[in-house]
Amino acid sequence: MTASPKTGDAGKRGVPGRLPVLGHTAALLRQRLAFTARLSEYGPVVRVYLGGLPLHVVTTAELADRVLVDEVFEKGIFVDKLRRAFGDGLVSTNGDFHRRQRRMIQPAFHRRFLVRYSETMTSLAGELANSWRDGLPVHVDRAMQDLAISVVGRTLFSTDFDARISAEVREHTPTLIRLGVVRALSPAVLERLPIRANRRFDEAVSHVHRVVDEVIGSSCGDRDDLLSVLLSARDGDTGEPMGAHQVRDHVVTLLTAGSETTGTALSWLFHELARHPEVAERLHAEVDRVLDGRPATIDDLRSLPYTRRVVDEVLRVYPLWLMLRRTAGAVRLGDVELPAGAEVGFSPHALHHDPRYHDRPGEFDPDRWLPERAATVPKGAYVPFAGGLHHCPGHAFAQMEIALVAATVAARWRLVPVPGKPVRPRVNGLLYPNRLPMTPRSRSRSRWR
């Protein structure tokens, strides 16, 4: 991109660097974080092109909040391209149908169920901590994703995924997300071509669907688990239960979101603790004082405020790269008039790192989430779980899991980077570490049962 213009409305005239046929897709996919971070130089609403399709990107917290909260903005092209994967799950539906499905699934995340889920999280985190050996390196990114998959398995189905199922989920869900992002940002004609990326996307969808169908088919469905909640749910308007495909679509959504988001956040959390010894020292002191050598439980979370601030800061530093929406009717954003059907988006990553809203955003500073400081962050500047009608219903589940696992592992271990293995983010919608080998160093002689 060229230097920032002094005047003009980039929402109307677009961002420089548009190529024939491809539009800005090549720059978006090549530069990703850098591209979206620089868009604010061009104004509050700027226009980029996904092939020939214009995408209006908002670059202020105020407008991002409006895109999330105003019901004129529905799910956009990203979910269109992922509908084959997620069907009619919450991530890919709009309007009244979305509202009814959300009401049906929401009871699964009520406090009574969260208490039970937390017991599973505590148990599995303790098992993981007990499995490590002092001085023996582990692949923390793989360990955290496997742990997140196990949590989803037990809370969704009251069962443990075997090694084959866990391996398939770990292999294919990142591929589904990564290639889904490429599809969403590419000209529509490309997804119809018999190219390797399309074959890999179709294969990933087929594998995930087959795994979910297999596990649902083997579940008795009458336990106090999330799957049973879905199977027993009734539409408040019609009284009808969910159909089999609808249940499958919700399970695919929950499995993907539950394993990818929390597993990735936990990986980055231990990476940041290793990079910032002063943060690790404070967190370790807190968990030592509160836990006194035992795993963390849901009742401990109120007594672990610094640990929860570390979680909040990880979610700030490593959020989604892009969120995309579509206008259901004509709307004015800033001084740009958009018709119905216009594609709109914003970058949570760019907003989370914007110095207009976050003091020294390049620093890892958990204390920015102290109540008095957090109160100064405007709406739309911190959106790790989206917002409005499409706010992630499992946000409390995810935050609880990350905090419980972080505290439980930190009570036993200090994780040290392996020398000569640099870690950097791979941007595939989510930000994944390219690798994360670390060496556990014991902080306690005790083992948990």
Protein backbone atom coordinates (compact mmCIF):
# COMPACT_ATOMS: atom_id res chain seq x y z
CA MET A 1 0.00 0.00 0.00
CA THR A 2 1.07 3.58 -0.61
CA ALA A 3 1.34 6.46 1.81
CA SER A 4 -1.78 7.51 3.68
CA PRO A 5 -3.91 10.06 1.84
CA LYS A 6 -4.31 13.48 3.41
CA THR A 7 -7.96 13.76 2.49
CA GLY A 8 -10.70 11.79 0.75
CA ASP A 9 -13.05 8.99 1.55
CA ALA A 10 -11.37 5.61 1.10
CA GLY A 11 -14.71 3.99 1.87
CA LYS A 12 -15.85 5.38 -1.47
CA ARG A 13 -12.69 5.26 -3.57
CA GLY A 14 -10.93 2.24 -2.11
CA VAL A 15 -7.43 1.41 -0.89
CA PRO A 16 -4.45 1.52 -3.30
CA GLY A 17 -2.90 -1.71 -4.52
CA ARG A 18 -5.94 -3.35 -6.12
CA LEU A 19 -4.98 -5.93 -8.77
CA PRO A 20 -7.06 -7.08 -11.75
CA VAL A 21 -9.25 -10.10 -10.95
CA LEU A 22 -7.66 -10.65 -7.50
CA GLY A 23 -8.42 -7.22 -6.05
CA HIS A 24 -6.67 -6.91 -2.66
CA THR A 25 -6.88 -10.64 -1.93
CA ALA A 26 -3.20 -11.30 -2.62
CA ALA A 27 -2.10 -8.48 -0.29
CA LEU A 28 -4.57 -9.54 2.39
CA LEU A 29 -3.39 -13.15 2.39
CA ARG A 30 0.29 -12.25 2.07
CA GLN A 31 0.48 -9.44 4.63
CA ARG A 32 -2.57 -10.21 6.81
CA LEU A 33 -1.93 -8.48 10.15
CA ALA A 34 0.15 -5.70 8.63
CA PHE A 35 -2.44 -5.04 5.92
CA THR A 36 -5.39 -4.68 8.29
CA ALA A 37 -3.34 -2.71 10.84
CA ARG A 38 -2.60 -0.02 8.23
CA LEU A 39 -6.17 0.41 7.03
CA SER A 40 -6.93 2.98 9.74
CA GLU A 41 -4.58 5.37 7.91
CA TYR A 42 -7.18 5.60 5.15
CA GLY A 43 -10.15 6.59 7.29
CA PRO A 44 -12.90 5.12 9.50
CA VAL A 45 -14.47 3.17 6.60
CA VAL A 46 -12.23 1.91 3.82
CA ARG A 47 -12.98 -0.22 0.80
CA VAL A 48 -10.91 -3.23 -0.23
CA TYR A 49 -11.77 -5.78 -2.89
CA LEU A 50 -12.04 -9.54 -2.53
CA GLY A 51 -11.59 -10.26 -6.19
CA GLY A 52 -14.29 -8.03 -7.65
CA LEU A 53 -16.37 -7.92 -4.46
CA PRO A 54 -16.07 -4.72 -2.40
CA LEU A 55 -15.55 -5.17 1.37
CA HIS A 56 -16.06 -2.11 3.57
CA VAL A 57 -13.69 -2.34 6.52
CA VAL A 58 -14.38 -0.20 9.58
CA THR A 59 -11.32 0.86 11.52
CA THR A 60 -12.71 2.52 14.66
CA ALA A 61 -13.99 0.94 17.85
CA GLU A 62 -17.24 2.93 17.65
CA LEU A 63 -18.10 1.62 14.18
CA ALA A 64 -16.96 -1.93 15.00
CA ASP A 65 -19.30 -1.95 17.98
CA ARG A 66 -22.14 -0.79 15.78
CA VAL A 67 -21.43 -3.55 13.26
CA LEU A 68 -21.62 -6.09 16.09
CA VAL A 69 -24.67 -4.71 17.87
CA ASP A 70 -26.94 -3.25 15.16
CA GLU A 71 -29.20 -6.00 13.86
CA VAL A 72 -29.01 -4.63 10.32
CA PHE A 73 -25.62 -6.39 10.17
CA GLU A 74 -25.87 -10.15 9.65
CA LYS A 75 -23.32 -12.87 9.04
CA GLY A 76 -21.51 -12.29 5.75
CA ILE A 77 -19.41 -13.94 3.10
CA PHE A 78 -17.19 -15.85 5.51
CA VAL A 79 -20.07 -18.01 6.75
CA ASP A 80 -21.37 -18.38 3.20
CA LYS A 81 -18.09 -20.00 2.29
CA LEU A 82 -18.10 -22.14 5.46
CA ARG A 83 -21.74 -23.23 5.32
CA ARG A 84 -20.76 -26.62 3.95
CA ALA A 85 -18.75 -27.17 7.13
CA PHE A 86 -21.06 -25.65 9.76
CA GLY A 87 -24.45 -26.01 8.08
CA ASP A 88 -27.08 -24.27 10.18
CA GLY A 89 -25.01 -23.99 13.35
CA LEU A 90 -24.96 -20.73 15.29
CA VAL A 91 -21.86 -19.50 13.49
CA SER A 92 -23.57 -19.53 10.08
CA THR A 93 -27.19 -18.47 10.65
CA ASN A 94 -29.04 -15.17 10.82
CA GLY A 95 -32.31 -13.54 11.79
CA ASP A 96 -35.20 -15.26 13.54
CA PHE A 97 -33.80 -18.73 12.89
CA HIS A 98 -30.55 -17.78 14.62
CA ARG A 99 -32.46 -16.33 17.58
CA ARG A 100 -34.54 -19.47 18.03
CA GLN A 101 -31.50 -21.73 17.79
CA ARG A 102 -29.60 -19.54 20.24
CA ARG A 103 -32.45 -19.78 22.77
CA MET A 104 -32.40 -23.57 22.39
CA ILE A 105 -28.66 -23.91 22.93
CA GLN A 106 -28.22 -21.25 25.64
CA PRO A 107 -29.32 -23.51 28.54
CA ALA A 108 -26.25 -25.63 27.88
CA PHE A 109 -24.13 -22.75 29.21
CA HIS A 110 -26.15 -21.92 32.32
CA ARG A 111 -24.36 -21.82 35.65
CA ARG A 112 -25.47 -25.34 36.69
CA PHE A 113 -23.82 -26.85 33.64
CA LEU A 114 -20.74 -24.65 33.88
CA VAL A 115 -20.09 -26.00 37.38
CA ARG A 116 -20.16 -29.54 36.02
CA TYR A 117 -18.01 -28.64 33.04
CA SER A 118 -15.48 -27.02 35.38
CA GLU A 119 -15.04 -30.34 37.21
CA THR A 120 -14.07 -31.94 33.91
CA MET A 121 -11.65 -29.13 33.14
CA THR A 122 -10.01 -29.40 36.57
CA SER A 123 -9.69 -33.17 36.29
CA LEU A 124 -8.17 -33.12 32.81
CA ALA A 125 -5.80 -30.26 33.66
CA GLY A 126 -4.57 -32.23 36.69
CA GLU A 127 -4.05 -35.34 34.54
CA LEU A 128 -2.02 -33.33 32.05
CA ALA A 129 0.11 -31.76 34.78
CA ASN A 130 0.78 -35.20 36.26
CA SER A 131 1.81 -36.61 32.88
CA TRP A 132 4.80 -34.30 32.38
CA ARG A 133 8.33 -35.04 33.59
CA ASP A 134 10.81 -32.50 34.87
CA GLY A 135 13.23 -31.56 32.09
CA LEU A 136 11.50 -33.57 29.35
CA PRO A 137 10.34 -31.18 26.55
CA VAL A 138 6.73 -31.21 25.41
CA HIS A 139 4.94 -29.74 22.40
CA VAL A 140 2.81 -27.31 24.37
CA ASP A 141 0.69 -26.28 21.38
CA ARG A 142 -0.27 -29.90 20.69
CA ALA A 143 -0.77 -30.66 24.39
CA MET A 144 -3.11 -27.71 24.84
CA GLN A 145 -5.15 -28.51 21.76
CA ASP A 146 -5.43 -32.16 22.82
CA LEU A 147 -6.54 -31.01 26.26
CA ALA A 148 -9.17 -28.69 24.75
CA ILE A 149 -10.43 -31.53 22.53
CA SER A 150 -10.69 -33.79 25.59
CA VAL A 151 -12.65 -31.13 27.48
CA VAL A 152 -15.08 -30.81 24.58
CA GLY A 153 -15.40 -34.60 24.37
CA ARG A 154 -16.29 -35.06 28.01
CA THR A 155 -18.56 -32.02 28.28
CA LEU A 156 -20.34 -32.63 24.98
CA PHE A 157 -20.64 -36.39 25.12
CA SER A 158 -19.72 -37.52 28.67
CA THR A 159 -17.01 -39.65 27.12
CA ASP A 160 -13.33 -39.59 26.28
CA PHE A 161 -12.31 -39.26 22.65
CA ASP A 162 -9.94 -42.03 21.68
CA ALA A 163 -6.54 -41.17 20.22
CA ARG A 164 -7.75 -41.58 16.64
CA ILE A 165 -10.62 -39.12 17.02
CA SER A 166 -8.46 -36.59 18.83
CA ALA A 167 -5.83 -36.85 16.10
CA GLU A 168 -8.43 -36.30 13.37
CA VAL A 169 -9.89 -33.26 15.10
CA ARG A 170 -6.42 -31.82 15.73
CA GLU A 171 -5.43 -32.36 12.10
CA HIS A 172 -8.53 -31.25 10.24
CA THR A 173 -10.10 -28.36 12.19
CA PRO A 174 -7.14 -25.98 11.63
CA THR A 175 -7.21 -26.90 7.93
CA LEU A 176 -10.93 -26.16 7.80
CA ILE A 177 -10.44 -22.72 9.39
CA ARG A 178 -7.33 -21.81 7.39
CA LEU A 179 -8.73 -22.73 3.99
CA GLY A 180 -12.11 -21.27 4.92
CA VAL A 181 -10.41 -17.90 5.40
CA VAL A 182 -8.65 -18.24 2.04
CA ARG A 183 -12.01 -19.06 0.40
CA ALA A 184 -13.76 -16.10 2.00
CA LEU A 185 -11.12 -13.67 0.76
CA SER A 186 -10.76 -15.13 -2.74
CA PRO A 187 -12.81 -14.60 -5.91
CA ALA A 188 -15.80 -16.93 -6.02
CA VAL A 189 -14.62 -18.56 -9.24
CA LEU A 190 -11.62 -20.10 -7.45
CA GLU A 191 -13.70 -22.30 -5.15
CA ARG A 192 -15.19 -24.06 -8.17
CA LEU A 193 -11.82 -25.04 -9.59
CA PRO A 194 -10.34 -28.54 -8.99
CA ILE A 195 -7.30 -27.17 -7.17
CA ARG A 196 -5.49 -28.70 -4.19
CA ALA A 197 -6.77 -26.13 -1.68
CA ASN A 198 -10.39 -26.96 -2.55
CA ARG A 199 -9.76 -30.69 -2.30
CA ARG A 200 -8.11 -30.27 1.10
CA PHE A 201 -10.99 -28.12 2.35
CA ASP A 202 -13.56 -30.69 1.21
CA GLU A 203 -11.54 -33.50 2.79
CA ALA A 204 -11.30 -31.61 6.11
CA VAL A 205 -15.07 -31.01 6.15
CA SER A 206 -15.76 -34.69 5.39
CA HIS A 207 -13.42 -35.87 8.15
CA VAL A 208 -14.88 -33.55 10.78
CA HIS A 209 -18.45 -34.48 9.84
CA ARG A 210 -17.67 -38.18 9.92
CA VAL A 211 -16.04 -37.93 13.35
CA VAL A 212 -18.99 -35.97 14.75
CA ASP A 213 -21.56 -38.38 13.27
CA GLU A 214 -19.61 -41.30 14.71
CA VAL A 215 -19.46 -39.86 18.21
CA ILE A 216 -23.11 -38.74 18.20
CA GLY A 217 -24.14 -42.18 16.98
CA SER A 218 -22.29 -43.91 19.81
CA SER A 219 -23.66 -41.58 22.52
CA CYS A 220 -26.64 -42.66 24.57
CA GLY A 221 -27.89 -39.05 24.64
CA ASP A 222 -29.55 -39.29 28.06
CA ARG A 223 -26.76 -37.96 30.27
CA ASP A 224 -26.29 -34.58 31.89
CA ASP A 225 -24.03 -33.39 29.10
CA LEU A 226 -24.19 -30.78 26.38
CA LEU A 227 -25.30 -33.22 23.69
CA SER A 228 -28.27 -34.25 25.84
CA VAL A 229 -29.22 -30.59 26.22
CA LEU A 230 -29.23 -30.23 22.44
CA LEU A 231 -31.25 -33.40 21.92
CA SER A 232 -33.86 -32.40 24.49
CA ALA A 233 -34.11 -28.73 23.43
CA ARG A 234 -37.42 -27.48 22.03
CA ASP A 235 -38.07 -24.47 19.83
CA GLY A 236 -39.88 -21.89 21.98
CA ASP A 237 -42.11 -20.90 19.03
CA THR A 238 -42.97 -24.27 17.51
CA GLY A 239 -42.24 -26.74 20.31
CA GLU A 240 -40.27 -28.83 17.84
CA PRO A 241 -36.93 -30.47 18.72
CA MET A 242 -33.79 -29.99 16.69
CA GLY A 243 -33.42 -32.23 13.68
CA ALA A 244 -30.49 -34.63 13.40
CA HIS A 245 -28.63 -32.39 10.95
CA GLN A 246 -29.19 -29.38 13.19
CA VAL A 247 -27.71 -31.20 16.18
CA ARG A 248 -24.75 -32.23 14.03
CA ASP A 249 -24.21 -28.67 12.84
CA HIS A 250 -24.18 -27.33 16.42
CA VAL A 251 -21.79 -30.07 17.56
CA VAL A 252 -19.40 -29.35 14.68
CA THR A 253 -19.48 -25.66 15.61
CA LEU A 254 -18.90 -26.31 19.32
CA LEU A 255 -16.19 -28.88 18.66
CA THR A 256 -14.29 -26.58 16.31
CA ALA A 257 -14.65 -23.45 18.43
CA GLY A 258 -14.08 -25.29 21.70
CA SER A 259 -10.88 -26.99 20.63
CA GLU A 260 -9.31 -24.27 18.49
CA THR A 261 -9.98 -21.09 20.47
CA THR A 262 -9.12 -22.36 23.94
CA GLY A 263 -6.26 -24.61 22.87
CA THR A 264 -4.61 -21.77 20.97
CA ALA A 265 -5.14 -19.25 23.77
CA LEU A 266 -3.61 -21.61 26.33
CA SER A 267 -0.59 -22.16 24.10
CA TRP A 268 0.02 -18.42 23.82
CA LEU A 269 -0.55 -17.94 27.54
CA PHE A 270 2.36 -20.20 28.50
CA HIS A 271 4.48 -18.64 25.76
CA GLU A 272 3.84 -15.17 27.22
CA LEU A 273 4.57 -16.33 30.77
CA ALA A 274 7.95 -17.57 29.57
CA ARG A 275 8.64 -14.27 27.76
CA HIS A 276 7.68 -12.16 30.79
CA PRO A 277 9.21 -13.56 34.03
CA GLU A 278 7.69 -10.75 36.10
CA VAL A 279 4.19 -11.77 34.95
CA ALA A 280 4.93 -15.44 35.62
CA GLU A 281 6.25 -14.62 39.09
CA ARG A 282 3.04 -12.79 40.04
CA LEU A 283 0.82 -15.51 38.62
CA HIS A 284 2.79 -18.25 40.39
CA ALA A 285 2.61 -16.37 43.68
CA GLU A 286 -1.16 -16.03 43.33
CA VAL A 287 -1.81 -19.69 42.51
CA ASP A 288 0.54 -20.80 45.31
CA ARG A 289 -1.33 -18.67 47.81
CA VAL A 290 -4.81 -19.72 46.67
CA LEU A 291 -4.35 -23.34 45.63
CA ASP A 292 -1.67 -24.46 48.10
CA GLY A 293 -0.64 -27.43 45.99
CA ARG A 294 -3.98 -28.55 44.53
CA PRO A 295 -5.72 -28.14 41.15
CA ALA A 296 -7.90 -25.09 40.59
CA THR A 297 -11.69 -25.25 40.79
CA ILE A 298 -14.45 -22.90 39.71
CA ASP A 299 -14.75 -21.67 43.30
CA ASP A 300 -11.13 -20.47 43.16
CA LEU A 301 -11.59 -18.15 40.20
CA ARG A 302 -12.76 -15.16 42.27
CA SER A 303 -9.56 -15.49 44.27
CA LEU A 304 -7.39 -15.55 41.14
CA PRO A 305 -7.88 -12.04 39.73
CA TYR A 306 -4.36 -11.71 38.34
CA THR A 307 -4.62 -15.06 36.55
CA ARG A 308 -7.90 -13.92 34.99
CA ARG A 309 -6.25 -10.66 33.90
CA VAL A 310 -3.50 -12.68 32.23
CA VAL A 311 -6.22 -14.59 30.34
CA ASP A 312 -7.86 -11.32 29.27
CA GLU A 313 -4.53 -9.99 28.02
CA VAL A 314 -3.81 -13.16 26.02
CA LEU A 315 -7.23 -12.78 24.38
CA ARG A 316 -6.35 -9.17 23.55
CA VAL A 317 -2.99 -9.98 21.99
CA TYR A 318 -4.11 -13.08 20.05
CA PRO A 319 -7.70 -12.54 18.86
CA LEU A 320 -9.39 -13.33 15.56
CA TRP A 321 -7.84 -11.60 12.59
CA LEU A 322 -11.08 -10.68 10.77
CA MET A 323 -14.82 -10.59 11.40
CA LEU A 324 -17.12 -10.20 8.41
CA ARG A 325 -20.76 -9.13 8.25
CA ARG A 326 -23.35 -8.21 5.61
CA THR A 327 -25.98 -5.46 5.63
CA ALA A 328 -29.57 -6.72 5.70
CA GLY A 329 -30.79 -3.24 4.69
CA ALA A 330 -29.47 0.14 3.65
CA VAL A 331 -27.36 1.75 6.37
CA ARG A 332 -25.03 4.66 6.92
CA LEU A 333 -21.61 3.96 8.47
CA GLY A 334 -19.82 7.16 9.28
CA ASP A 335 -20.20 9.21 6.12
CA VAL A 336 -20.53 6.17 3.84
CA GLU A 337 -23.93 5.02 2.59
CA LEU A 338 -24.16 1.22 2.16
CA PRO A 339 -26.94 -0.62 0.35
CA ALA A 340 -28.51 -3.87 1.49
CA GLY A 341 -26.21 -6.79 0.77
CA ALA A 342 -22.95 -4.86 1.25
CA GLU A 343 -20.08 -6.80 2.79
CA VAL A 344 -18.65 -5.18 5.94
CA GLY A 345 -15.81 -6.24 8.20
CA PHE A 346 -13.27 -5.23 10.80
CA SER A 347 -10.13 -6.66 12.34
CA PRO A 348 -10.30 -7.47 16.07
CA HIS A 349 -6.53 -7.86 15.95
CA ALA A 350 -6.06 -4.35 14.58
CA LEU A 351 -8.44 -2.85 17.16
CA HIS A 352 -6.83 -4.81 20.02
CA HIS A 353 -3.44 -3.35 19.02
CA ASP A 354 -4.59 0.19 18.27
CA PRO A 355 -2.84 2.83 20.43
CA ARG A 356 -5.97 5.00 20.24
CA TYR A 357 -7.66 2.51 22.58
CA HIS A 358 -4.90 0.58 24.35
CA ASP A 359 -1.96 2.20 26.09
CA ARG A 360 1.32 0.74 24.76
CA PRO A 361 -0.50 -2.05 22.89
CA GLY A 362 2.75 -3.83 22.03
CA GLU A 363 3.38 -4.59 25.69
CA PHE A 364 1.97 -7.65 27.43
CA ASP A 365 0.38 -5.95 30.43
CA PRO A 366 -2.28 -7.91 32.37
CA ASP A 367 -2.84 -4.93 34.67
CA ARG A 368 -4.45 -3.01 31.81
CA TRP A 369 -7.50 -5.11 32.82
CA LEU A 370 -7.64 -3.75 36.36
CA PRO A 371 -11.20 -2.43 36.74
CA GLU A 372 -10.29 1.25 36.72
CA ARG A 373 -8.15 0.87 33.59
CA ALA A 374 -10.47 -1.53 31.78
CA ALA A 375 -13.33 0.96 32.23
CA THR A 376 -11.53 3.39 29.89
CA VAL A 377 -11.49 0.94 26.96
CA PRO A 378 -14.38 1.90 24.65
CA LYS A 379 -16.91 -0.56 23.33
CA GLY A 380 -15.68 -2.25 20.19
CA ALA A 381 -12.00 -1.95 21.12
CA TYR A 382 -11.91 -5.34 22.88
CA VAL A 383 -14.03 -8.02 21.24
CA PRO A 384 -12.48 -11.48 21.76
CA PHE A 385 -15.92 -13.12 21.59
CA ALA A 386 -17.66 -10.77 19.11
CA GLY A 387 -20.79 -9.05 20.48
CA GLY A 388 -24.45 -8.26 20.08
CA LEU A 389 -26.82 -10.94 18.82
CA HIS A 390 -23.88 -13.02 17.59
CA HIS A 391 -21.88 -12.83 20.81
CA CYS A 392 -20.29 -16.24 21.40
CA PRO A 393 -22.62 -18.18 23.75
CA GLY A 394 -19.68 -20.21 25.03
CA HIS A 395 -17.54 -17.26 26.13
CA ALA A 396 -17.89 -18.03 29.85
CA PHE A 397 -17.04 -21.69 29.15
CA ALA A 398 -13.88 -20.69 27.27
CA GLN A 399 -12.68 -18.11 29.79
CA MET A 400 -13.28 -20.51 32.66
CA GLU A 401 -11.39 -23.30 30.91
CA ILE A 402 -8.38 -21.14 30.08
CA ALA A 403 -8.13 -19.81 33.65
CA LEU A 404 -8.57 -23.21 35.32
CA VAL A 405 -5.98 -24.91 33.12
CA ALA A 406 -3.53 -22.03 33.41
CA ALA A 407 -3.72 -21.99 37.22
CA THR A 408 -3.59 -25.76 37.58
CA VAL A 409 -0.57 -26.19 35.32
CA ALA A 410 1.23 -23.14 36.73
CA ALA A 411 0.84 -24.50 40.25
CA ARG A 412 2.98 -27.49 39.25
CA TRP A 413 5.21 -26.31 36.44
CA ARG A 414 7.24 -23.47 35.02
CA LEU A 415 7.49 -23.88 31.24
CA VAL A 416 10.80 -22.86 29.68
CA PRO A 417 11.31 -22.23 25.93
CA VAL A 418 13.51 -24.69 24.03
CA PRO A 419 16.57 -22.75 22.76
CA GLY A 420 16.89 -22.30 19.02
CA LYS A 421 13.16 -22.81 18.35
CA PRO A 422 11.73 -19.35 17.56
CA VAL A 423 7.98 -18.99 17.92
CA ARG A 424 5.90 -16.80 15.62
CA PRO A 425 2.18 -16.56 14.84
CA ARG A 426 0.62 -18.21 11.80
CA VAL A 427 -2.47 -16.24 10.84
CA ASN A 428 -5.28 -18.58 9.78
CA GLY A 429 -8.28 -16.62 10.97
CA LEU A 430 -7.02 -17.44 14.45
CA LEU A 431 -3.38 -16.83 15.36
CA TYR A 432 -1.61 -20.17 15.86
CA PRO A 433 1.97 -20.60 17.07
CA ASN A 434 4.09 -22.12 14.31
CA ARG A 435 5.48 -24.42 17.00
CA LEU A 436 5.81 -24.30 20.75
CA PRO A 437 8.26 -26.80 22.29
CA MET A 438 8.83 -26.03 25.97
CA THR A 439 10.53 -27.77 28.86
CA PRO A 440 8.58 -28.24 32.13
CA ARG A 441 10.50 -27.38 35.28
CA SER A 442 8.90 -28.59 38.48
CA ARG A 443 7.64 -26.10 41.03
CA SER A 444 6.30 -28.79 43.40
CA ARG A 445 7.12 -32.29 44.49
CA SER A 446 3.47 -33.23 44.95
CA ARG A 447 1.35 -35.21 42.52
CA TRP A 448 -2.41 -34.91 42.29
CA ARG A 449 -4.75 -37.83 42.27
